[in-house]
Amino acid sequence: ESLTEQKARELIGLLELGPVASARVADLPFGTQKRVE
């Protein structure tokens, strides 16, 4: 689980999603949700 979270955070950084990492997906703009997917 620790490795899974580490890898996930690396991708979140790569796709510039760091500021919304803890946000609910439903609360994000459509374009940001596309990057999450």
PDB file of all heavy atoms in Angstrom:
ATOM      1  N   GLU A   1       0.826  -1.202   0.000  1.00  0.00           N
ATOM      2  CA  GLU A   1       0.000   0.000   0.000  1.00  0.00           C
ATOM      3  C   GLU A   1       0.867   1.260   0.000  1.00  0.00           C
ATOM      4  O   GLU A   1       0.521   2.256  -0.652  1.00  0.00           O
ATOM      5  CB  GLU A   1      -0.933  -0.007   1.207  1.00  0.00           C
ATOM      6  CG  GLU A   1      -2.081  -1.009   1.090  1.00  0.00           C
ATOM      7  CD  GLU A   1      -3.028  -0.924   2.260  1.00  0.00           C
ATOM      8  OE1 GLU A   1      -2.705  -0.236   3.254  1.00  0.00           O
ATOM      9  OE2 GLU A   1      -4.097  -1.557   2.194  1.00  0.00           O
ATOM     10  N   SER A   2       1.982   1.212   0.706  1.00  0.00           N
ATOM     11  CA  SER A   2       2.891   2.350   0.729  1.00  0.00           C
ATOM     12  C   SER A   2       3.482   2.601  -0.655  1.00  0.00           C
ATOM     13  O   SER A   2       3.569   3.751  -1.115  1.00  0.00           O
ATOM     14  CB  SER A   2       4.008   2.107   1.742  1.00  0.00           C
ATOM     15  OG  SER A   2       4.937   3.170   1.738  1.00  0.00           O
ATOM     16  N   LEU A   3       3.884   1.533  -1.332  1.00  0.00           N
ATOM     17  CA  LEU A   3       4.424   1.670  -2.688  1.00  0.00           C
ATOM     18  C   LEU A   3       3.350   2.165  -3.649  1.00  0.00           C
ATOM     19  O   LEU A   3       3.628   3.010  -4.510  1.00  0.00           O
ATOM     20  CB  LEU A   3       4.973   0.318  -3.166  1.00  0.00           C
ATOM     21  CG  LEU A   3       5.536   0.300  -4.594  1.00  0.00           C
ATOM     22  CD1 LEU A   3       6.713   1.258  -4.727  1.00  0.00           C
ATOM     23  CD2 LEU A   3       5.940  -1.120  -4.989  1.00  0.00           C
ATOM     24  N   THR A   4       2.127   1.668  -3.494  1.00  0.00           N
ATOM     25  CA  THR A   4       1.022   2.099  -4.352  1.00  0.00           C
ATOM     26  C   THR A   4       0.782   3.592  -4.208  1.00  0.00           C
ATOM     27  O   THR A   4       0.618   4.313  -5.199  1.00  0.00           O
ATOM     28  CB  THR A   4      -0.263   1.325  -3.998  1.00  0.00           C
ATOM     29  OG1 THR A   4      -0.095  -0.052  -4.345  1.00  0.00           O
ATOM     30  CG2 THR A   4      -1.474   1.878  -4.752  1.00  0.00           C
ATOM     31  N   GLU A   5       0.795   4.082  -2.970  1.00  0.00           N
ATOM     32  CA  GLU A   5       0.587   5.512  -2.749  1.00  0.00           C
ATOM     33  C   GLU A   5       1.748   6.327  -3.313  1.00  0.00           C
ATOM     34  O   GLU A   5       1.540   7.387  -3.915  1.00  0.00           O
ATOM     35  CB  GLU A   5       0.418   5.816  -1.259  1.00  0.00           C
ATOM     36  CG  GLU A   5       0.185   7.296  -0.998  1.00  0.00           C
ATOM     37  CD  GLU A   5      -0.118   7.618   0.454  1.00  0.00           C
ATOM     38  OE1 GLU A   5      -0.443   6.685   1.222  1.00  0.00           O
ATOM     39  OE2 GLU A   5      -0.036   8.818   0.813  1.00  0.00           O
ATOM     40  N   GLN A   6       2.966   5.830  -3.131  1.00  0.00           N
ATOM     41  CA  GLN A   6       4.131   6.534  -3.674  1.00  0.00           C
ATOM     42  C   GLN A   6       4.039   6.672  -5.190  1.00  0.00           C
ATOM     43  O   GLN A   6       4.248   7.767  -5.744  1.00  0.00           O
ATOM     44  CB  GLN A   6       5.406   5.772  -3.309  1.00  0.00           C
ATOM     45  CG  GLN A   6       6.671   6.354  -3.924  1.00  0.00           C
ATOM     46  CD  GLN A   6       7.861   5.422  -3.781  1.00  0.00           C
ATOM     47  OE1 GLN A   6       7.942   4.646  -2.840  1.00  0.00           O
ATOM     48  NE2 GLN A   6       8.787   5.501  -4.733  1.00  0.00           N
ATOM     49  N   LYS A   7       3.713   5.572  -5.885  1.00  0.00           N
ATOM     50  CA  LYS A   7       3.596   5.601  -7.344  1.00  0.00           C
ATOM     51  C   LYS A   7       2.458   6.526  -7.784  1.00  0.00           C
ATOM     52  O   LYS A   7       2.583   7.249  -8.783  1.00  0.00           O
ATOM     53  CB  LYS A   7       3.366   4.193  -7.876  1.00  0.00           C
ATOM     54  CG  LYS A   7       4.533   3.232  -7.669  1.00  0.00           C
ATOM     55  CD  LYS A   7       5.731   3.617  -8.514  1.00  0.00           C
ATOM     56  CE  LYS A   7       6.840   2.587  -8.424  1.00  0.00           C
ATOM     57  NZ  LYS A   7       8.029   2.965  -9.231  1.00  0.00           N
ATOM     58  N   ALA A   8       1.358   6.491  -7.045  1.00  0.00           N
ATOM     59  CA  ALA A   8       0.216   7.346  -7.379  1.00  0.00           C
ATOM     60  C   ALA A   8       0.586   8.818  -7.248  1.00  0.00           C
ATOM     61  O   ALA A   8       0.232   9.644  -8.101  1.00  0.00           O
ATOM     62  CB  ALA A   8      -0.976   7.006  -6.489  1.00  0.00           C
ATOM     63  N   ARG A   9       1.314   9.162  -6.180  1.00  0.00           N
ATOM     64  CA  ARG A   9       1.706  10.559  -5.984  1.00  0.00           C
ATOM     65  C   ARG A   9       2.690  11.027  -7.052  1.00  0.00           C
ATOM     66  O   ARG A   9       2.682  12.193  -7.449  1.00  0.00           O
ATOM     67  CB  ARG A   9       2.280  10.748  -4.578  1.00  0.00           C
ATOM     68  CG  ARG A   9       1.221  10.648  -3.475  1.00  0.00           C
ATOM     69  CD  ARG A   9       1.741  11.104  -2.127  1.00  0.00           C
ATOM     70  NE  ARG A   9       0.739  10.972  -1.086  1.00  0.00           N
ATOM     71  CZ  ARG A   9      -0.228  11.866  -0.859  1.00  0.00           C
ATOM     72  NH1 ARG A   9      -0.314  12.962  -1.608  1.00  0.00           N
ATOM     73  NH2 ARG A   9      -1.087  11.677   0.112  1.00  0.00           N
ATOM     74  N   GLU A  10       3.544  10.128  -7.518  1.00  0.00           N
ATOM     75  CA  GLU A  10       4.459  10.475  -8.609  1.00  0.00           C
ATOM     76  C   GLU A  10       3.684  10.843  -9.873  1.00  0.00           C
ATOM     77  O   GLU A  10       4.021  11.817 -10.557  1.00  0.00           O
ATOM     78  CB  GLU A  10       5.401   9.306  -8.889  1.00  0.00           C
ATOM     79  CG  GLU A  10       6.450   9.084  -7.810  1.00  0.00           C
ATOM     80  CD  GLU A  10       7.261   7.818  -8.037  1.00  0.00           C
ATOM     81  OE1 GLU A  10       7.018   7.137  -9.062  1.00  0.00           O
ATOM     82  OE2 GLU A  10       8.131   7.507  -7.203  1.00  0.00           O
ATOM     83  N   LEU A  11       2.640  10.072 -10.181  1.00  0.00           N
ATOM     84  CA  LEU A  11       1.832  10.364 -11.364  1.00  0.00           C
ATOM     85  C   LEU A  11       1.019  11.638 -11.178  1.00  0.00           C
ATOM     86  O   LEU A  11       0.844  12.419 -12.121  1.00  0.00           O
ATOM     87  CB  LEU A  11       0.897   9.185 -11.658  1.00  0.00           C
ATOM     88  CG  LEU A  11       1.587   7.949 -12.229  1.00  0.00           C
ATOM     89  CD1 LEU A  11       0.626   6.770 -12.259  1.00  0.00           C
ATOM     90  CD2 LEU A  11       2.121   8.219 -13.632  1.00  0.00           C
ATOM     91  N   ILE A  12       0.531  11.847  -9.973  1.00  0.00           N
ATOM     92  CA  ILE A  12      -0.210  13.074  -9.681  1.00  0.00           C
ATOM     93  C   ILE A  12       0.685  14.294  -9.897  1.00  0.00           C
ATOM     94  O   ILE A  12       0.256  15.311 -10.457  1.00  0.00           O
ATOM     95  CB  ILE A  12      -0.761  13.026  -8.243  1.00  0.00           C
ATOM     96  CG1 ILE A  12      -1.975  12.083  -8.197  1.00  0.00           C
ATOM     97  CG2 ILE A  12      -1.142  14.413  -7.744  1.00  0.00           C
ATOM     98  CD1 ILE A  12      -2.469  11.779  -6.796  1.00  0.00           C
ATOM     99  N   GLY A  13       1.946  14.170  -9.509  1.00  0.00           N
ATOM    100  CA  GLY A  13       2.880  15.259  -9.763  1.00  0.00           C
ATOM    101  C   GLY A  13       3.156  15.444 -11.237  1.00  0.00           C
ATOM    102  O   GLY A  13       3.201  16.574 -11.738  1.00  0.00           O
ATOM    103  N   LEU A  14       3.328  14.327 -11.957  1.00  0.00           N
ATOM    104  CA  LEU A  14       3.607  14.388 -13.394  1.00  0.00           C
ATOM    105  C   LEU A  14       2.478  15.077 -14.150  1.00  0.00           C
ATOM    106  O   LEU A  14       2.720  15.842 -15.086  1.00  0.00           O
ATOM    107  CB  LEU A  14       3.812  12.970 -13.939  1.00  0.00           C
ATOM    108  CG  LEU A  14       4.050  12.827 -15.443  1.00  0.00           C
ATOM    109  CD1 LEU A  14       5.339  13.530 -15.849  1.00  0.00           C
ATOM    110  CD2 LEU A  14       4.101  11.357 -15.841  1.00  0.00           C
ATOM    111  N   LEU A  15       1.241  14.838 -13.744  1.00  0.00           N
ATOM    112  CA  LEU A  15       0.080  15.412 -14.425  1.00  0.00           C
ATOM    113  C   LEU A  15      -0.402  16.706 -13.766  1.00  0.00           C
ATOM    114  O   LEU A  15      -1.499  17.174 -14.045  1.00  0.00           O
ATOM    115  CB  LEU A  15      -1.068  14.399 -14.493  1.00  0.00           C
ATOM    116  CG  LEU A  15      -1.008  13.474 -15.716  1.00  0.00           C
ATOM    117  CD1 LEU A  15       0.149  12.491 -15.605  1.00  0.00           C
ATOM    118  CD2 LEU A  15      -2.305  12.705 -15.902  1.00  0.00           C
ATOM    119  N   GLU A  16       0.442  17.245 -12.884  1.00  0.00           N
ATOM    120  CA  GLU A  16       0.183  18.541 -12.239  1.00  0.00           C
ATOM    121  C   GLU A  16      -1.155  18.556 -11.517  1.00  0.00           C
ATOM    122  O   GLU A  16      -1.932  19.519 -11.594  1.00  0.00           O
ATOM    123  CB  GLU A  16       0.274  19.672 -13.269  1.00  0.00           C
ATOM    124  CG  GLU A  16       1.639  19.759 -13.938  1.00  0.00           C
ATOM    125  CD  GLU A  16       1.737  20.887 -14.942  1.00  0.00           C
ATOM    126  OE1 GLU A  16       0.693  21.493 -15.276  1.00  0.00           O
ATOM    127  OE2 GLU A  16       2.856  21.150 -15.407  1.00  0.00           O
ATOM    128  N   LEU A  17      -1.422  17.486 -10.769  1.00  0.00           N
ATOM    129  CA  LEU A  17      -2.657  17.353  -9.998  1.00  0.00           C
ATOM    130  C   LEU A  17      -2.409  17.494  -8.501  1.00  0.00           C
ATOM    131  O   LEU A  17      -3.328  17.298  -7.700  1.00  0.00           O
ATOM    132  CB  LEU A  17      -3.315  15.995 -10.283  1.00  0.00           C
ATOM    133  CG  LEU A  17      -3.882  15.804 -11.689  1.00  0.00           C
ATOM    134  CD1 LEU A  17      -4.182  14.326 -11.945  1.00  0.00           C
ATOM    135  CD2 LEU A  17      -5.144  16.644 -11.885  1.00  0.00           C
ATOM    136  N   GLY A  18      -1.169  17.829  -8.120  1.00  0.00           N
ATOM    137  CA  GLY A  18      -0.816  17.916  -6.711  1.00  0.00           C
ATOM    138  C   GLY A  18      -1.750  18.767  -5.864  1.00  0.00           C
ATOM    139  O   GLY A  18      -2.185  18.334  -4.784  1.00  0.00           O
ATOM    140  N   PRO A  19      -2.121  19.986  -6.315  1.00  0.00           N
ATOM    141  CA  PRO A  19      -2.981  20.842  -5.486  1.00  0.00           C
ATOM    142  C   PRO A  19      -4.376  20.257  -5.215  1.00  0.00           C
ATOM    143  O   PRO A  19      -5.046  20.700  -4.283  1.00  0.00           O
ATOM    144  CB  PRO A  19      -3.085  22.129  -6.319  1.00  0.00           C
ATOM    145  CG  PRO A  19      -1.842  22.127  -7.155  1.00  0.00           C
ATOM    146  CD  PRO A  19      -1.600  20.689  -7.500  1.00  0.00           C
ATOM    147  N   VAL A  20      -4.804  19.275  -6.020  1.00  0.00           N
ATOM    148  CA  VAL A  20      -6.155  18.717  -5.830  1.00  0.00           C
ATOM    149  C   VAL A  20      -6.097  17.236  -5.444  1.00  0.00           C
ATOM    150  O   VAL A  20      -7.099  16.535  -5.521  1.00  0.00           O
ATOM    151  CB  VAL A  20      -7.020  18.894  -7.104  1.00  0.00           C
ATOM    152  CG1 VAL A  20      -7.253  20.364  -7.380  1.00  0.00           C
ATOM    153  CG2 VAL A  20      -6.382  18.211  -8.312  1.00  0.00           C
ATOM    154  N   ALA A  21      -4.943  16.758  -4.997  1.00  0.00           N
ATOM    155  CA  ALA A  21      -4.778  15.332  -4.698  1.00  0.00           C
ATOM    156  C   ALA A  21      -5.792  14.831  -3.685  1.00  0.00           C
ATOM    157  O   ALA A  21      -6.252  13.685  -3.771  1.00  0.00           O
ATOM    158  CB  ALA A  21      -3.361  15.067  -4.193  1.00  0.00           C
ATOM    159  N   SER A  22      -6.170  15.685  -2.721  1.00  0.00           N
ATOM    160  CA  SER A  22      -7.109  15.257  -1.670  1.00  0.00           C
ATOM    161  C   SER A  22      -8.558  15.626  -1.983  1.00  0.00           C
ATOM    162  O   SER A  22      -9.459  15.281  -1.219  1.00  0.00           O
ATOM    163  CB  SER A  22      -6.709  15.891  -0.327  1.00  0.00           C
ATOM    164  OG  SER A  22      -5.406  15.485   0.044  1.00  0.00           O
ATOM    165  N   ALA A  23      -8.781  16.299  -3.116  1.00  0.00           N
ATOM    166  CA  ALA A  23     -10.131  16.749  -3.454  1.00  0.00           C
ATOM    167  C   ALA A  23     -10.979  15.613  -4.003  1.00  0.00           C
ATOM    168  O   ALA A  23     -10.464  14.673  -4.618  1.00  0.00           O
ATOM    169  CB  ALA A  23     -10.056  17.875  -4.480  1.00  0.00           C
ATOM    170  N   ARG A  24     -12.303  15.700  -3.762  1.00  0.00           N
ATOM    171  CA  ARG A  24     -13.225  14.739  -4.374  1.00  0.00           C
ATOM    172  C   ARG A  24     -13.267  14.985  -5.870  1.00  0.00           C
ATOM    173  O   ARG A  24     -13.327  16.124  -6.321  1.00  0.00           O
ATOM    174  CB  ARG A  24     -14.638  14.916  -3.833  1.00  0.00           C
ATOM    175  CG  ARG A  24     -14.927  14.319  -2.498  1.00  0.00           C
ATOM    176  CD  ARG A  24     -16.406  14.178  -2.243  1.00  0.00           C
ATOM    177  NE  ARG A  24     -17.222  15.178  -2.942  1.00  0.00           N
ATOM    178  CZ  ARG A  24     -18.512  15.012  -3.249  1.00  0.00           C
ATOM    179  NH1 ARG A  24     -19.120  13.895  -2.936  1.00  0.00           N
ATOM    180  NH2 ARG A  24     -19.182  15.958  -3.857  1.00  0.00           N
ATOM    181  N   VAL A  25     -13.229  13.900  -6.637  1.00  0.00           N
ATOM    182  CA  VAL A  25     -13.253  14.032  -8.095  1.00  0.00           C
ATOM    183  C   VAL A  25     -14.495  14.787  -8.561  1.00  0.00           C
ATOM    184  O   VAL A  25     -14.433  15.603  -9.490  1.00  0.00           O
ATOM    185  CB  VAL A  25     -13.170  12.633  -8.750  1.00  0.00           C
ATOM    186  CG1 VAL A  25     -13.583  12.699 -10.214  1.00  0.00           C
ATOM    187  CG2 VAL A  25     -11.761  12.077  -8.647  1.00  0.00           C
ATOM    188  N   ALA A  26     -15.627  14.554  -7.915  1.00  0.00           N
ATOM    189  CA  ALA A  26     -16.889  15.183  -8.334  1.00  0.00           C
ATOM    190  C   ALA A  26     -16.836  16.702  -8.233  1.00  0.00           C
ATOM    191  O   ALA A  26     -17.608  17.402  -8.905  1.00  0.00           O
ATOM    192  CB  ALA A  26     -18.047  14.644  -7.494  1.00  0.00           C
ATOM    193  N   ASP A  27     -15.938  17.233  -7.411  1.00  0.00           N
ATOM    194  CA  ASP A  27     -15.861  18.681  -7.205  1.00  0.00           C
ATOM    195  C   ASP A  27     -14.905  19.373  -8.175  1.00  0.00           C
ATOM    196  O   ASP A  27     -14.728  20.598  -8.099  1.00  0.00           O
ATOM    197  CB  ASP A  27     -15.404  18.973  -5.770  1.00  0.00           C
ATOM    198  CG  ASP A  27     -16.381  18.437  -4.726  1.00  0.00           C
ATOM    199  OD1 ASP A  27     -17.584  18.369  -5.045  1.00  0.00           O
ATOM    200  OD2 ASP A  27     -15.935  18.079  -3.623  1.00  0.00           O
ATOM    201  N   LEU A  28     -14.301  18.612  -9.087  1.00  0.00           N
ATOM    202  CA  LEU A  28     -13.275  19.163  -9.975  1.00  0.00           C
ATOM    203  C   LEU A  28     -13.843  19.507 -11.348  1.00  0.00           C
ATOM    204  O   LEU A  28     -14.812  18.887 -11.804  1.00  0.00           O
ATOM    205  CB  LEU A  28     -12.143  18.155 -10.137  1.00  0.00           C
ATOM    206  CG  LEU A  28     -11.395  17.773  -8.857  1.00  0.00           C
ATOM    207  CD1 LEU A  28     -10.386  16.674  -9.139  1.00  0.00           C
ATOM    208  CD2 LEU A  28     -10.715  18.995  -8.245  1.00  0.00           C
ATOM    209  N   PRO A  29     -13.243  20.481 -12.052  1.00  0.00           N
ATOM    210  CA  PRO A  29     -13.654  20.788 -13.428  1.00  0.00           C
ATOM    211  C   PRO A  29     -13.457  19.574 -14.333  1.00  0.00           C
ATOM    212  O   PRO A  29     -12.616  18.704 -14.062  1.00  0.00           O
ATOM    213  CB  PRO A  29     -12.720  21.937 -13.833  1.00  0.00           C
ATOM    214  CG  PRO A  29     -12.208  22.491 -12.559  1.00  0.00           C
ATOM    215  CD  PRO A  29     -12.155  21.360 -11.583  1.00  0.00           C
ATOM    216  N   PHE A  30     -14.198  19.552 -15.423  1.00  0.00           N
ATOM    217  CA  PHE A  30     -14.178  18.395 -16.332  1.00  0.00           C
ATOM    218  C   PHE A  30     -12.775  18.136 -16.868  1.00  0.00           C
ATOM    219  O   PHE A  30     -12.325  16.982 -16.925  1.00  0.00           O
ATOM    220  CB  PHE A  30     -15.146  18.640 -17.492  1.00  0.00           C
ATOM    221  CG  PHE A  30     -15.256  17.484 -18.445  1.00  0.00           C
ATOM    222  CD1 PHE A  30     -15.973  16.345 -18.106  1.00  0.00           C
ATOM    223  CD2 PHE A  30     -14.633  17.524 -19.688  1.00  0.00           C
ATOM    224  CE1 PHE A  30     -16.075  15.276 -18.977  1.00  0.00           C
ATOM    225  CE2 PHE A  30     -14.727  16.454 -20.569  1.00  0.00           C
ATOM    226  CZ  PHE A  30     -15.457  15.338 -20.214  1.00  0.00           C
ATOM    227  N   GLY A  31     -12.069  19.183 -17.266  1.00  0.00           N
ATOM    228  CA  GLY A  31     -10.736  19.002 -17.816  1.00  0.00           C
ATOM    229  C   GLY A  31      -9.781  18.385 -16.810  1.00  0.00           C
ATOM    230  O   GLY A  31      -8.928  17.564 -17.171  1.00  0.00           O
ATOM    231  N   THR A  32      -9.921  18.752 -15.539  1.00  0.00           N
ATOM    232  CA  THR A  32      -9.084  18.173 -14.489  1.00  0.00           C
ATOM    233  C   THR A  32      -9.445  16.707 -14.280  1.00  0.00           C
ATOM    234  O   THR A  32      -8.565  15.858 -14.084  1.00  0.00           O
ATOM    235  CB  THR A  32      -9.255  18.953 -13.177  1.00  0.00           C
ATOM    236  OG1 THR A  32      -8.981  20.331 -13.412  1.00  0.00           O
ATOM    237  CG2 THR A  32      -8.316  18.429 -12.101  1.00  0.00           C
ATOM    238  N   GLN A  33     -10.737  16.390 -14.337  1.00  0.00           N
ATOM    239  CA  GLN A  33     -11.161  14.994 -14.205  1.00  0.00           C
ATOM    240  C   GLN A  33     -10.575  14.129 -15.323  1.00  0.00           C
ATOM    241  O   GLN A  33     -10.222  12.967 -15.104  1.00  0.00           O
ATOM    242  CB  GLN A  33     -12.683  14.910 -14.221  1.00  0.00           C
ATOM    243  CG  GLN A  33     -13.351  15.481 -12.989  1.00  0.00           C
ATOM    244  CD  GLN A  33     -14.854  15.237 -12.984  1.00  0.00           C
ATOM    245  OE1 GLN A  33     -15.334  14.196 -13.424  1.00  0.00           O
ATOM    246  NE2 GLN A  33     -15.607  16.214 -12.482  1.00  0.00           N
ATOM    247  N   LYS A  34     -10.447  14.703 -16.499  1.00  0.00           N
ATOM    248  CA  LYS A  34      -9.832  13.966 -17.610  1.00  0.00           C
ATOM    249  C   LYS A  34      -8.391  13.582 -17.279  1.00  0.00           C
ATOM    250  O   LYS A  34      -7.939  12.472 -17.600  1.00  0.00           O
ATOM    251  CB  LYS A  34      -9.860  14.814 -18.886  1.00  0.00           C
ATOM    252  CG  LYS A  34     -11.210  14.874 -19.583  1.00  0.00           C
ATOM    253  CD  LYS A  34     -11.349  13.715 -20.553  1.00  0.00           C
ATOM    254  CE  LYS A  34     -12.493  13.922 -21.503  1.00  0.00           C
ATOM    255  NZ  LYS A  34     -12.579  12.851 -22.522  1.00  0.00           N
ATOM    256  N   ARG A  35      -7.680  14.506 -16.645  1.00  0.00           N
ATOM    257  CA  ARG A  35      -6.295  14.210 -16.272  1.00  0.00           C
ATOM    258  C   ARG A  35      -6.231  13.171 -15.162  1.00  0.00           C
ATOM    259  O   ARG A  35      -5.294  12.370 -15.102  1.00  0.00           O
ATOM    260  CB  ARG A  35      -5.563  15.491 -15.860  1.00  0.00           C
ATOM    261  CG  ARG A  35      -5.057  16.293 -17.059  1.00  0.00           C
ATOM    262  CD  ARG A  35      -4.169  17.435 -16.628  1.00  0.00           C
ATOM    263  NE  ARG A  35      -4.944  18.515 -16.058  1.00  0.00           N
ATOM    264  CZ  ARG A  35      -4.608  19.210 -14.980  1.00  0.00           C
ATOM    265  NH1 ARG A  35      -3.482  18.928 -14.347  1.00  0.00           N
ATOM    266  NH2 ARG A  35      -5.369  20.182 -14.536  1.00  0.00           N
ATOM    267  N   VAL A  36      -7.215  13.185 -14.271  1.00  0.00           N
ATOM    268  CA  VAL A  36      -7.273  12.169 -13.222  1.00  0.00           C
ATOM    269  C   VAL A  36      -7.450  10.783 -13.846  1.00  0.00           C
ATOM    270  O   VAL A  36      -6.780   9.822 -13.452  1.00  0.00           O
ATOM    271  CB  VAL A  36      -8.424  12.450 -12.231  1.00  0.00           C
ATOM    272  CG1 VAL A  36      -8.542  11.311 -11.213  1.00  0.00           C
ATOM    273  CG2 VAL A  36      -8.204  13.776 -11.513  1.00  0.00           C
ATOM    274  N   GLU A  37      -8.329  10.691 -14.837  1.00  0.00           N
ATOM    275  CA  GLU A  37      -8.537   9.393 -15.477  1.00  0.00           C
ATOM    276  C   GLU A  37      -7.270   8.938 -16.206  1.00  0.00           C
ATOM    277  O   GLU A  37      -6.934   7.752 -16.208  1.00  0.00           O
ATOM    278  CB  GLU A  37      -9.711   9.446 -16.456  1.00  0.00           C
ATOM    279  CG  GLU A  37     -10.060   8.060 -16.972  1.00  0.00           C
ATOM    280  CD  GLU A  37     -11.257   8.044 -17.898  1.00  0.00           C
ATOM    281  OE1 GLU A  37     -11.368   8.939 -18.747  1.00  0.00           O
ATOM    282  OE2 GLU A  37     -12.074   7.117 -17.770  1.00  0.00           O
TER     283      GLU A  37
END
